[in-house]
C-alpha atoms as a PDB file:
ATOM      1  CA  MET A   1      78.555  37.762-110.076  1.00  0.00           C
ATOM      2  CA  LYS A   2      80.162  38.680-106.779  1.00  0.00           C
ATOM      3  CA  ARG A   3      77.712  41.547-106.337  1.00  0.00           C
ATOM      4  CA  ASN A   4      74.731  39.228-106.874  1.00  0.00           C
ATOM      5  CA  LEU A   5      76.146  36.763-104.329  1.00  0.00           C
ATOM      6  CA  LEU A   6      76.551  39.539-101.742  1.00  0.00           C
ATOM      7  CA  THR A   7      72.998  40.691-102.369  1.00  0.00           C
ATOM      8  CA  LEU A   8      71.693  37.156-101.883  1.00  0.00           C
ATOM      9  CA  VAL A   9      73.624  36.775 -98.613  1.00  0.00           C
ATOM     10  CA  ILE A  10      72.330  40.065 -97.224  1.00  0.00           C
ATOM     11  CA  GLY A  11      68.816  39.179 -98.324  1.00  0.00           C
ATOM     12  CA  GLY A  12      69.098  35.775 -96.681  1.00  0.00           C
ATOM     13  CA  VAL A  13      70.282  37.318 -93.417  1.00  0.00           C
ATOM     14  CA  LEU A  14      67.429  39.812 -93.425  1.00  0.00           C
ATOM     15  CA  ILE A  15      64.904  37.053 -94.108  1.00  0.00           C
ATOM     16  CA  PHE A  16      66.394  34.995 -91.276  1.00  0.00           C
ATOM     17  CA  ILE A  17      66.162  37.922 -88.884  1.00  0.00           C
ATOM     18  CA  PHE A  18      62.559  38.592 -89.941  1.00  0.00           C
ATOM     19  CA  VAL A  19      61.599  34.939 -89.470  1.00  0.00           C
ATOM     20  CA  LEU A  20      63.405  34.910 -86.127  1.00  0.00           C
ATOM     21  CA  LEU A  21      61.417  37.934 -84.963  1.00  0.00           C
ATOM     22  CA  LEU A  22      58.199  36.271 -86.062  1.00  0.00           C
ATOM     23  CA  PHE A  23      58.805  32.912 -84.384  1.00  0.00           C
ATOM     24  CA  VAL A  24      61.068  33.713 -81.402  1.00  0.00           C
ATOM     25  CA  PHE A  25      60.674  36.025 -78.400  1.00  0.00           C
ATOM     26  CA  GLN A  26      63.014  36.808 -75.517  1.00  0.00           C
ATOM     27  CA  VAL A  27      62.308  36.996 -71.793  1.00  0.00           C
ATOM     28  CA  ARG A  28      64.523  39.263 -69.682  1.00  0.00           C
ATOM     29  CA  GLN A  29      65.410  38.837 -66.020  1.00  0.00           C
ATOM     30  CA  SER A  30      62.933  41.490 -64.848  1.00  0.00           C
ATOM     31  CA  GLU A  31      60.044  40.355 -67.045  1.00  0.00           C
ATOM     32  CA  VAL A  32      57.290  37.797 -67.065  1.00  0.00           C
ATOM     33  CA  VAL A  33      55.679  37.030 -70.447  1.00  0.00           C
ATOM     34  CA  VAL A  34      52.117  35.997 -71.167  1.00  0.00           C
ATOM     35  CA  VAL A  35      51.459  34.386 -74.556  1.00  0.00           C
ATOM     36  CA  THR A  36      47.908  34.448 -75.896  1.00  0.00           C
ATOM     37  CA  ARG A  37      46.617  32.225 -78.679  1.00  0.00           C
ATOM     38  CA  PHE A  38      43.672  33.633 -80.584  1.00  0.00           C
ATOM     39  CA  GLY A  39      43.099  36.138 -77.738  1.00  0.00           C
ATOM     40  CA  ARG A  40      43.150  33.625 -74.889  1.00  0.00           C
ATOM     41  CA  VAL A  41      45.957  33.102 -72.394  1.00  0.00           C
ATOM     42  CA  ASP A  42      47.940  30.061 -73.442  1.00  0.00           C
ATOM     43  CA  ARG A  43      51.121  30.050 -71.354  1.00  0.00           C
ATOM     44  CA  GLU A  44      53.404  32.054 -69.076  1.00  0.00           C
ATOM     45  CA  LYS A  45      57.189  32.378 -69.241  1.00  0.00           C
ATOM     46  CA  SER A  46      59.201  33.883 -66.372  1.00  0.00           C
ATOM     47  CA  GLU A  47      62.640  32.271 -66.808  1.00  0.00           C
ATOM     48  CA  PRO A  48      65.106  34.417 -68.820  1.00  0.00           C
ATOM     49  CA  GLY A  49      65.869  33.120 -72.301  1.00  0.00           C
ATOM     50  CA  ALA A  50      64.571  32.761 -75.865  1.00  0.00           C
ATOM     51  CA  TYR A  51      61.302  30.936 -76.668  1.00  0.00           C
ATOM     52  CA  VAL A  52      59.462  29.879 -79.815  1.00  0.00           C
ATOM     53  CA  ARG A  53      56.012  31.160 -80.726  1.00  0.00           C
ATOM     54  CA  TRP A  54      53.564  31.245 -83.595  1.00  0.00           C
ATOM     55  CA  PRO A  55      53.469  34.547 -85.455  1.00  0.00           C
ATOM     56  CA  TRP A  56      50.682  37.064 -85.185  1.00  0.00           C
ATOM     57  CA  PRO A  57      47.707  36.803 -85.438  1.00  0.00           C
ATOM     58  CA  ILE A  58      47.886  33.271 -84.071  1.00  0.00           C
ATOM     59  CA  GLU A  59      49.828  34.169 -80.923  1.00  0.00           C
ATOM     60  CA  HIS A  60      50.601  37.461 -79.253  1.00  0.00           C
ATOM     61  CA  VAL A  61      53.306  38.130 -76.630  1.00  0.00           C
ATOM     62  CA  TYR A  62      52.663  40.486 -73.685  1.00  0.00           C
ATOM     63  CA  LYS A  63      55.613  41.436 -71.499  1.00  0.00           C
ATOM     64  CA  LEU A  64      54.912  42.398 -67.887  1.00  0.00           C
ATOM     65  CA  ASP A  65      57.303  43.844 -65.331  1.00  0.00           C
ATOM     66  CA  GLN A  66      57.635  41.405 -62.426  1.00  0.00           C
ATOM     67  CA  ARG A  67      59.636  43.813 -60.260  1.00  0.00           C
ATOM     68  CA  ILE A  68      58.026  45.535 -57.276  1.00  0.00           C
ATOM     69  CA  GLN A  69      55.760  48.432 -58.276  1.00  0.00           C
ATOM     70  CA  ASN A  70      55.202  51.429 -55.961  1.00  0.00           C
ATOM     71  CA  PHE A  71      52.380  53.893 -55.482  1.00  0.00           C
ATOM     72  CA  GLN A  72      50.941  56.171 -52.780  1.00  0.00           C
ATOM     73  CA  ASP A  73      47.225  56.476 -52.197  1.00  0.00           C
ATOM     74  CA  LYS A  74      45.403  59.774 -51.776  1.00  0.00           C
ATOM     75  CA  LEU A  75      45.115  61.565 -48.430  1.00  0.00           C
ATOM     76  CA  THR A  76      41.680  60.380 -47.279  1.00  0.00           C
ATOM     77  CA  GLU A  77      39.616  61.161 -44.191  1.00  0.00           C
ATOM     78  CA  THR A  78      38.894  58.322 -41.785  1.00  0.00           C
ATOM     79  CA  ILE A  79      37.299  58.197 -38.325  1.00  0.00           C
ATOM     80  CA  THR A  80      39.208  56.811 -35.340  1.00  0.00           C
ATOM     81  CA  LEU A  81      37.747  54.708 -32.550  1.00  0.00           C
ATOM     82  CA  ASP A  82      37.293  57.821 -30.381  1.00  0.00           C
ATOM     83  CA  SER A  83      35.383  59.597 -33.203  1.00  0.00           C
ATOM     84  CA  ILE A  84      38.197  61.869 -34.434  1.00  0.00           C
ATOM     85  CA  ASN A  85      38.465  62.625 -38.160  1.00  0.00           C
ATOM     86  CA  LEU A  86      41.999  61.741 -39.225  1.00  0.00           C
ATOM     87  CA  LEU A  87      43.615  62.276 -42.633  1.00  0.00           C
ATOM     88  CA  THR A  88      45.849  59.342 -43.631  1.00  0.00           C
ATOM     89  CA  SER A  89      47.891  58.263 -46.626  1.00  0.00           C
ATOM     90  CA  VAL A  90      49.918  55.065 -47.156  1.00  0.00           C
ATOM     91  CA  TYR A  91      52.630  53.926 -49.560  1.00  0.00           C
ATOM     92  CA  VAL A  92      52.393  50.451 -51.106  1.00  0.00           C
ATOM     93  CA  GLY A  93      54.861  48.119 -52.790  1.00  0.00           C
ATOM     94  CA  TRP A  94      53.302  45.336 -54.861  1.00  0.00           C
ATOM     95  CA  ARG A  95      54.239  42.901 -57.621  1.00  0.00           C
ATOM     96  CA  ILE A  96      52.715  40.401 -60.000  1.00  0.00           C
ATOM     97  CA  THR A  97      52.810  36.868 -58.588  1.00  0.00           C
ATOM     98  CA  ASP A  98      50.664  35.030 -61.159  1.00  0.00           C
ATOM     99  CA  ALA A  99      50.791  36.573 -64.630  1.00  0.00           C
ATOM    100  CA  LYS A 100      48.243  34.120 -66.136  1.00  0.00           C
ATOM    101  CA  THR A 101      45.732  35.199 -63.497  1.00  0.00           C
ATOM    102  CA  PHE A 102      46.707  38.892 -63.545  1.00  0.00           C
ATOM    103  CA  PHE A 103      46.520  39.366 -67.324  1.00  0.00           C
ATOM    104  CA  PRO A 104      42.795  38.636 -67.854  1.00  0.00           C
ATOM    105  CA  LYS A 105      41.761  40.685 -64.806  1.00  0.00           C
ATOM    106  CA  PHE A 106      43.149  43.908 -66.262  1.00  0.00           C
ATOM    107  CA  LYS A 107      43.011  44.851 -69.922  1.00  0.00           C
ATOM    108  CA  ASP A 108      46.237  43.684 -71.586  1.00  0.00           C
ATOM    109  CA  GLY A 109      47.820  43.415 -68.124  1.00  0.00           C
ATOM    110  CA  SER A 110      47.700  47.180 -67.566  1.00  0.00           C
ATOM    111  CA  VAL A 111      49.696  48.185 -64.468  1.00  0.00           C
ATOM    112  CA  THR A 112      47.872  51.531 -64.341  1.00  0.00           C
ATOM    113  CA  VAL A 113      44.474  49.861 -64.107  1.00  0.00           C
ATOM    114  CA  ALA A 114      45.809  47.413 -61.532  1.00  0.00           C
ATOM    115  CA  GLU A 115      47.139  50.198 -59.320  1.00  0.00           C
ATOM    116  CA  ARG A 116      43.825  52.022 -59.495  1.00  0.00           C
ATOM    117  CA  MET A 117      42.013  48.896 -58.299  1.00  0.00           C
ATOM    118  CA  LEU A 118      44.673  48.255 -55.648  1.00  0.00           C
ATOM    119  CA  GLU A 119      44.274  51.795 -54.315  1.00  0.00           C
ATOM    120  CA  GLU A 120      40.559  51.185 -53.734  1.00  0.00           C
ATOM    121  CA  VAL A 121      41.302  47.958 -51.857  1.00  0.00           C
ATOM    122  CA  VAL A 122      43.997  49.596 -49.726  1.00  0.00           C
ATOM    123  CA  THR A 123      41.754  52.567 -48.901  1.00  0.00           C
ATOM    124  CA  GLN A 124      39.001  50.231 -47.664  1.00  0.00           C
ATOM    125  CA  ALA A 125      41.482  48.269 -45.564  1.00  0.00           C
ATOM    126  CA  LYS A 126      42.944  51.494 -44.175  1.00  0.00           C
ATOM    127  CA  THR A 127      39.495  52.783 -43.166  1.00  0.00           C
ATOM    128  CA  ALA A 128      38.723  49.528 -41.355  1.00  0.00           C
ATOM    129  CA  ALA A 129      42.071  49.408 -39.529  1.00  0.00           C
ATOM    130  CA  VAL A 130      42.133  53.089 -38.473  1.00  0.00           C
ATOM    131  CA  GLY A 131      38.578  52.775 -37.158  1.00  0.00           C
ATOM    132  CA  LYS A 132      39.788  50.257 -34.555  1.00  0.00           C
ATOM    133  CA  HIS A 133      42.398  52.591 -33.029  1.00  0.00           C
ATOM    134  CA  ARG A 134      42.263  55.787 -31.003  1.00  0.00           C
ATOM    135  CA  LEU A 135      43.947  59.043 -31.943  1.00  0.00           C
ATOM    136  CA  GLY A 136      46.537  58.437 -29.210  1.00  0.00           C
ATOM    137  CA  ASP A 137      47.816  55.436 -31.177  1.00  0.00           C
ATOM    138  CA  PHE A 138      48.808  57.819 -34.005  1.00  0.00           C
ATOM    139  CA  VAL A 139      49.745  61.019 -32.136  1.00  0.00           C
ATOM    140  CA  ASN A 140      51.279  60.740 -28.681  1.00  0.00           C
ATOM    141  CA  GLU A 141      54.052  62.458 -26.711  1.00  0.00           C
ATOM    142  CA  ASN A 142      55.146  59.035 -25.437  1.00  0.00           C
ATOM    143  CA  GLU A 143      56.784  57.110 -28.267  1.00  0.00           C
ATOM    144  CA  LYS A 144      56.036  53.775 -26.580  1.00  0.00           C
ATOM    145  CA  ASP A 145      52.279  54.395 -26.901  1.00  0.00           C
ATOM    146  CA  LEU A 146      52.435  54.787 -30.700  1.00  0.00           C
ATOM    147  CA  LYS A 147      51.132  51.760 -32.656  1.00  0.00           C
ATOM    148  CA  PHE A 148      52.286  52.433 -36.217  1.00  0.00           C
ATOM    149  CA  ASP A 149      53.679  48.933 -36.740  1.00  0.00           C
ATOM    150  CA  GLU A 150      50.499  47.276 -35.520  1.00  0.00           C
ATOM    151  CA  ILE A 151      48.284  49.505 -37.676  1.00  0.00           C
ATOM    152  CA  GLU A 152      50.409  49.025 -40.807  1.00  0.00           C
ATOM    153  CA  THR A 153      50.427  45.255 -40.319  1.00  0.00           C
ATOM    154  CA  LYS A 154      46.650  45.235 -39.921  1.00  0.00           C
ATOM    155  CA  ILE A 155      46.085  47.321 -43.079  1.00  0.00           C
ATOM    156  CA  LYS A 156      48.381  45.056 -45.106  1.00  0.00           C
ATOM    157  CA  ALA A 157      46.679  41.897 -43.805  1.00  0.00           C
ATOM    158  CA  LEU A 158      43.203  43.198 -44.663  1.00  0.00           C
ATOM    159  CA  ALA A 159      44.259  44.303 -48.144  1.00  0.00           C
ATOM    160  CA  GLN A 160      46.115  41.044 -48.802  1.00  0.00           C
ATOM    161  CA  ALA A 161      43.085  39.003 -47.791  1.00  0.00           C
ATOM    162  CA  GLN A 162      40.925  41.013 -50.209  1.00  0.00           C
ATOM    163  CA  LEU A 163      43.386  40.456 -53.070  1.00  0.00           C
ATOM    164  CA  GLN A 164      43.482  36.718 -52.429  1.00  0.00           C
ATOM    165  CA  ALA A 165      39.687  36.586 -52.298  1.00  0.00           C
ATOM    166  CA  ASN A 166      39.459  38.375 -55.660  1.00  0.00           C
ATOM    167  CA  ASN A 167      42.297  36.236 -57.123  1.00  0.00           C
ATOM    168  CA  TRP A 168      44.030  39.074 -58.957  1.00  0.00           C
ATOM    169  CA  GLY A 169      47.436  37.413 -59.150  1.00  0.00           C
ATOM    170  CA  VAL A 170      49.213  40.202 -57.241  1.00  0.00           C
ATOM    171  CA  SER A 171      50.739  40.473 -53.774  1.00  0.00           C
ATOM    172  CA  ILE A 172      51.526  43.413 -51.473  1.00  0.00           C
ATOM    173  CA  GLU A 173      55.179  43.229 -50.482  1.00  0.00           C
ATOM    174  CA  TYR A 174      55.219  46.153 -48.050  1.00  0.00           C
ATOM    175  CA  LEU A 175      52.934  48.906 -46.791  1.00  0.00           C
ATOM    176  CA  GLY A 176      53.430  51.866 -44.450  1.00  0.00           C
ATOM    177  CA  LEU A 177      51.824  55.070 -43.239  1.00  0.00           C
ATOM    178  CA  GLU A 178      53.115  57.987 -45.303  1.00  0.00           C
ATOM    179  CA  ARG A 179      51.208  61.032 -44.001  1.00  0.00           C
ATOM    180  CA  LEU A 180      48.930  61.954 -41.098  1.00  0.00           C
ATOM    181  CA  GLY A 181      46.837  65.078 -40.672  1.00  0.00           C
ATOM    182  CA  LEU A 182      43.802  66.605 -39.011  1.00  0.00           C
ATOM    183  CA  PRO A 183      41.003  68.492 -40.793  1.00  0.00           C
ATOM    184  CA  GLU A 184      40.831  72.176 -39.877  1.00  0.00           C
ATOM    185  CA  SER A 185      37.336  71.678 -38.474  1.00  0.00           C
ATOM    186  CA  VAL A 186      38.592  69.401 -35.698  1.00  0.00           C
ATOM    187  CA  THR A 187      42.121  70.699 -35.123  1.00  0.00           C
ATOM    188  CA  GLN A 188      41.094  73.206 -32.430  1.00  0.00           C
ATOM    189  CA  ALA A 189      38.910  70.663 -30.644  1.00  0.00           C
ATOM    190  CA  VAL A 190      41.761  68.148 -30.617  1.00  0.00           C
ATOM    191  CA  PHE A 191      44.169  70.744 -29.231  1.00  0.00           C
ATOM    192  CA  GLU A 192      41.716  71.664 -26.462  1.00  0.00           C
ATOM    193  CA  ARG A 193      41.239  68.014 -25.605  1.00  0.00           C
ATOM    194  CA  MET A 194      44.975  67.382 -25.514  1.00  0.00           C
ATOM    195  CA  THR A 195      45.424  70.466 -23.308  1.00  0.00           C
ATOM    196  CA  ALA A 196      42.767  69.189 -20.896  1.00  0.00           C
ATOM    197  CA  GLU A 197      44.424  65.756 -20.750  1.00  0.00           C
ATOM    198  CA  ARG A 198      47.823  67.329 -20.080  1.00  0.00           C
ATOM    199  CA  LYS A 199      46.308  69.482 -17.301  1.00  0.00           C
ATOM    200  CA  LEU A 200      44.778  66.420 -15.641  1.00  0.00           C
ATOM    201  CA  LEU A 201      48.137  64.686 -15.830  1.00  0.00           C
ATOM    202  CA  ALA A 202      49.923  67.742 -14.398  1.00  0.00           C
ATOM    203  CA  ASP A 203      47.384  68.002 -11.539  1.00  0.00           C
ATOM    204  CA  LYS A 204      47.859  64.312 -10.771  1.00  0.00           C
ATOM    205  CA  ILE A 205      51.637  64.677 -10.681  1.00  0.00           C
ATOM    206  CA  GLN A 206      51.332  67.797  -8.491  1.00  0.00           C
ATOM    207  CA  PHE A 207      49.021  65.982  -6.058  1.00  0.00           C
ATOM    208  CA  GLU A 208      51.365  62.988  -5.858  1.00  0.00           C
ATOM    209  CA  GLY A 209      54.324  65.331  -5.323  1.00  0.00           C
ATOM    210  CA  ASP A 210      52.551  67.180  -2.497  1.00  0.00           C
ATOM    211  CA  ALA A 211      51.598  63.900  -0.845  1.00  0.00           C
ATOM    212  CA  LYS A 212      55.174  62.640  -1.072  1.00  0.00           C
ATOM    213  CA  ALA A 213      56.526  65.927   0.307  1.00  0.00           C
ATOM    214  CA  GLN A 214      54.114  65.764   3.244  1.00  0.00           C
ATOM    215  CA  GLU A 215      55.161  62.172   3.903  1.00  0.00           C
ATOM    216  CA  ILE A 216      58.852  63.157   3.905  1.00  0.00           C
ATOM    217  CA  ARG A 217      58.161  66.192   6.111  1.00  0.00           C
ATOM    218  CA  SER A 218      56.219  64.082   8.642  1.00  0.00           C
ATOM    219  CA  SER A 219      58.979  61.479   8.713  1.00  0.00           C
ATOM    220  CA  ALA A 220      61.634  64.180   9.266  1.00  0.00           C
ATOM    221  CA  GLU A 221      59.627  65.782  12.070  1.00  0.00           C
ATOM    222  CA  ARG A 222      59.139  62.397  13.724  1.00  0.00           C
ATOM    223  CA  GLN A 223      62.843  61.615  13.522  1.00  0.00           C
ATOM    224  CA  ALA A 224      63.715  65.095  14.891  1.00  0.00           C
ATOM    225  CA  ALA A 225      61.349  64.562  17.807  1.00  0.00           C
ATOM    226  CA  GLU A 226      62.953  61.202  18.556  1.00  0.00           C
ATOM    227  CA  VAL A 227      66.474  62.733  18.452  1.00  0.00           C
ATOM    228  CA  ASN A 228      65.422  65.617  20.721  1.00  0.00           C
ATOM    229  CA  SER A 229      63.815  63.195  23.124  1.00  0.00           C
ATOM    230  CA  ARG A 230      66.960  61.059  23.309  1.00  0.00           C
ATOM    231  CA  ALA A 231      69.148  64.195  23.697  1.00  0.00           C
ATOM    232  CA  ASN A 232      66.992  65.538  26.531  1.00  0.00           C
ATOM    233  CA  ALA A 233      67.046  62.175  28.252  1.00  0.00           C
ATOM    234  CA  GLU A 234      70.843  62.047  27.956  1.00  0.00           C
ATOM    235  CA  ALA A 235      71.127  65.628  29.261  1.00  0.00           C
ATOM    236  CA  PHE A 236      68.949  64.787  32.274  1.00  0.00           C
ATOM    237  CA  ARG A 237      71.087  61.717  32.931  1.00  0.00           C
ATOM    238  CA  ILE A 238      74.367  63.687  32.756  1.00  0.00           C
ATOM    239  CA  ARG A 239      72.908  66.459  34.906  1.00  0.00           C
ATOM    240  CA  GLY A 240      71.773  63.892  37.437  1.00  0.00           C
ATOM    241  CA  GLU A 241      75.211  62.299  37.544  1.00  0.00           C
ATOM    242  CA  GLY A 242      76.821  65.754  37.968  1.00  0.00           C
ATOM    243  CA  GLU A 243      74.474  66.638  40.750  1.00  0.00           C
ATOM    244  CA  ALA A 244      75.180  63.307  42.457  1.00  0.00           C
ATOM    245  CA  VAL A 245      78.948  63.910  42.254  1.00  0.00           C
ATOM    246  CA  ALA A 246      78.482  67.491  43.475  1.00  0.00           C
ATOM    247  CA  ALA A 247      76.419  66.238  46.378  1.00  0.00           C
ATOM    248  CA  GLU A 248      79.264  63.892  47.349  1.00  0.00           C
ATOM    249  CA  VAL A 249      82.002  66.571  47.037  1.00  0.00           C
ATOM    250  CA  LEU A 250      80.059  69.489  48.517  1.00  0.00           C
ATOM    251  CA  PRO A 251      80.455  68.445  52.196  1.00  0.00           C
ATOM    252  CA  VAL A 252      84.242  68.213  51.733  1.00  0.00           C
ATOM    253  CA  PHE A 253      84.401  71.674  50.074  1.00  0.00           C
ATOM    254  CA  GLN A 254      82.231  73.150  52.822  1.00  0.00           C
ATOM    255  CA  GLN A 255      84.847  72.139  55.410  1.00  0.00           C
ATOM    256  CA  ASN A 256      87.486  74.436  53.761  1.00  0.00           C
ATOM    257  CA  PRO A 257      86.029  76.891  51.199  1.00  0.00           C
ATOM    258  CA  ASP A 258      89.403  78.583  50.545  1.00  0.00           C
ATOM    259  CA  LEU A 259      90.985  75.274  49.671  1.00  0.00           C
ATOM    260  CA  ALA A 260      88.071  74.428  47.361  1.00  0.00           C
ATOM    261  CA  THR A 261      88.348  77.781  45.543  1.00  0.00           C
ATOM    262  CA  PHE A 262      92.091  77.390  45.170  1.00  0.00           C
ATOM    263  CA  LEU A 263      91.756  73.864  43.706  1.00  0.00           C
ATOM    264  CA  LEU A 264      89.050  74.973  41.254  1.00  0.00           C
ATOM    265  CA  LYS A 265      91.225  77.841  40.008  1.00  0.00           C
ATOM    266  CA  THR A 266      94.298  75.629  39.555  1.00  0.00           C
ATOM    267  CA  GLU A 267      92.229  73.050  37.636  1.00  0.00           C
ATOM    268  CA  ALA A 268      90.872  75.800  35.390  1.00  0.00           C
ATOM    269  CA  LEU A 269      94.421  77.071  34.707  1.00  0.00           C
ATOM    270  CA  GLU A 270      95.598  73.532  33.987  1.00  0.00           C
ATOM    271  CA  SER A 271      92.772  73.063  31.454  1.00  0.00           C
ATOM    272  CA  SER A 272      93.672  76.354  29.744  1.00  0.00           C
ATOM    273  CA  LEU A 273      97.368  75.463  29.494  1.00  0.00           C
ATOM    274  CA  LYS A 274      97.087  71.822  28.330  1.00  0.00           C
ATOM    275  CA  GLU A 275      98.369  72.810  24.865  1.00  0.00           C
ATOM    276  CA  ARG A 276     101.001  75.352  23.976  1.00  0.00           C
ATOM    277  CA  SER A 277      99.115  78.643  23.858  1.00  0.00           C
ATOM    278  CA  ILE A 278      99.379  82.366  24.382  1.00  0.00           C
ATOM    279  CA  LEU A 279      96.914  83.857  26.879  1.00  0.00           C
ATOM    280  CA  ILE A 280      95.863  87.463  27.140  1.00  0.00           C
ATOM    281  CA  PHE A 281      93.825  87.854  30.325  1.00  0.00           C
ATOM    282  CA  ASP A 282      92.672  90.229  32.998  1.00  0.00           C
ATOM    283  CA  GLN A 283      94.391  89.479  36.289  1.00  0.00           C
ATOM    284  CA  ARG A 284      91.224  90.441  38.116  1.00  0.00           C
ATOM    285  CA  THR A 285      89.232  87.656  36.422  1.00  0.00           C
ATOM    286  CA  PRO A 286      89.245  84.216  38.153  1.00  0.00           C
ATOM    287  CA  PRO A 287      91.194  81.978  37.893  1.00  0.00           C
ATOM    288  CA  PHE A 288      93.833  84.353  36.487  1.00  0.00           C
ATOM    289  CA  ASP A 289      93.734  86.411  39.719  1.00  0.00           C
ATOM    290  CA  LEU A 290      96.178  83.803  41.112  1.00  0.00           C
ATOM    291  CA  PHE A 291      98.920  85.682  39.199  1.00  0.00           C
ATOM    292  CA  SER A 292      98.136  89.052  40.819  1.00  0.00           C
ATOM    293  CA  SER A 293      98.719  88.115  44.506  1.00  0.00           C
ATOM    294  CA  PRO A 294     100.346  85.254  46.372  1.00  0.00           C
ATOM    295  CA  ALA A 295      97.925  82.517  47.181  1.00  0.00           C
ATOM    296  CA  ALA A 296      97.246  81.822  50.770  1.00  0.00           C
ATOM    297  CA  LYS A 297      98.581  78.589  52.038  1.00  0.00           C
ATOM    298  CA  PRO A 298      95.727  76.146  52.257  1.00  0.00           C
ATOM    299  CA  ALA A 299      94.953  74.755  55.630  1.00  0.00           C
ATOM    300  CA  LYS A 300      95.747  71.194  56.342  1.00  0.00           C
END
């Protein structure tokens, strides 16, 4: 009797679980669920929890991942505004925004099919955006001249507009340039062109440097000429004053040359002995000859 009761309880639990699986489904935090009734989309559930449904084949539950999906497109060749073939590749982050719209567009809500269609849209947008920019916007020695942010924003905007026009129920969350390259057929030509541009820039800098150096040299020469002119004028003035003083003193010295010579020698000795010093001199050399013989008494 007890064994039969236990069997009935276990059987009842199993039947309850089976019925629960048939009539109830669960939605997780990272999922969005599309419920179809007789093959047509009936409703969408995105809030986590348990929901009631009719069993198959009346209703069928499809669970889709509503987290951000990632993919990278192929390295494709595009032409820049200055007619340079450029290889580009981008990475894309996208997610489902409207499951009821997304599900019918792609068989059973296939993410693989959706990414394949998204890649085509992104490639078209990338070709259009790259074609409006020059090679220097992608490759440049001056970081300020690079326009990666502008190009990425333009590609995303073009792709997003195409998705909204097609009403696929998806949205691009982020997009960025992943790889850049040049085909071998144009690499040498690009290098030669870059070399020529660098040479023109170097020649320009050299010319500006020479012009600036010449300007500085001319200014220095002009200033030197002005200084020399002022120095010569000052020398002429001092010489003139000395000659004027000499002209005034000369008649007095001519009256007594011995007295004049004696005074000049004593002044020279006084100038030599203004500071404490040791002199080594030749007594025969004026004014030190005063020490070799007594000086004659000057006339009154």
